Protein backbone atom coordinates (compact mmCIF):
# COMPACT_ATOMS: atom_id res chain seq x y z
CA UNK A 1 1.98 -1.49 8.64
CA UNK A 2 -1.45 -2.84 7.73
CA UNK A 3 -4.08 -1.16 5.58
CA UNK A 4 -7.72 -1.89 4.87
CA UNK A 5 -8.37 -3.07 1.34
CA UNK A 6 -11.79 -3.03 -0.29
CA UNK A 7 -12.97 -4.52 -3.54
CA UNK A 8 -14.14 -1.99 -6.10
CA UNK A 9 -17.96 -2.04 -6.05
CA UNK A 10 -17.75 -4.50 -3.15
CA UNK A 11 -19.90 -4.67 -0.06
CA UNK A 12 -18.87 -3.37 3.37
CA UNK A 13 -18.03 -6.91 4.50
CA UNK A 14 -15.62 -7.29 1.55
CA UNK A 15 -12.98 -5.17 3.36
CA UNK A 16 -9.92 -6.97 4.69
CA UNK A 17 -6.52 -6.12 6.17
CA UNK A 18 -3.28 -6.54 4.25
CA UNK A 19 0.39 -5.77 4.84
CA UNK A 20 1.18 -2.61 2.92
CA UNK A 21 4.55 -4.05 1.90
CA UNK A 22 2.79 -6.94 0.13
CA UNK A 23 0.50 -4.83 -2.04
CA UNK A 24 1.42 -3.93 -5.61
CA UNK A 25 0.23 -0.72 -7.24
CA UNK A 26 -1.91 -1.13 -10.33
CA UNK A 27 -1.65 1.49 -13.06
CA UNK A 28 0.36 3.87 -10.85
CA UNK A 29 1.67 7.12 -12.33
CA UNK A 30 5.26 8.28 -11.82
CA UNK A 31 4.44 10.26 -8.65
CA UNK A 32 2.82 7.24 -7.02
CA UNK A 33 5.69 4.98 -8.08
CA UNK A 34 8.16 7.44 -6.53
CA UNK A 35 6.16 7.58 -3.28
CA UNK A 36 6.12 3.78 -3.10
CA UNK A 37 9.86 3.61 -3.73
CA UNK A 38 10.46 6.20 -0.99
CA UNK A 39 8.29 4.23 1.43
CA UNK A 40 10.19 0.99 0.73
CA UNK A 41 13.48 2.86 1.18
CA UNK A 42 12.27 3.99 4.61
CA UNK A 43 11.41 0.39 5.51
CA UNK A 44 14.89 -0.79 4.49
CA UNK A 45 16.50 1.99 6.56
CA UNK A 46 14.18 1.10 9.47
CA UNK A 47 12.80 4.64 9.77
CA UNK A 48 9.99 5.08 12.29
CA UNK A 49 6.88 7.23 12.00
């Protein structure tokens, strides 16, 4: 799965695509960390959307 990533205070042309599995959360709270862990678990189990 790919997502669009934008720089904070960046210009419209500063948006690029990245693999979601290669992005690390910065300053994530416990709920976000749990959601990320659940998502990775789904990838390992090869669940489909």
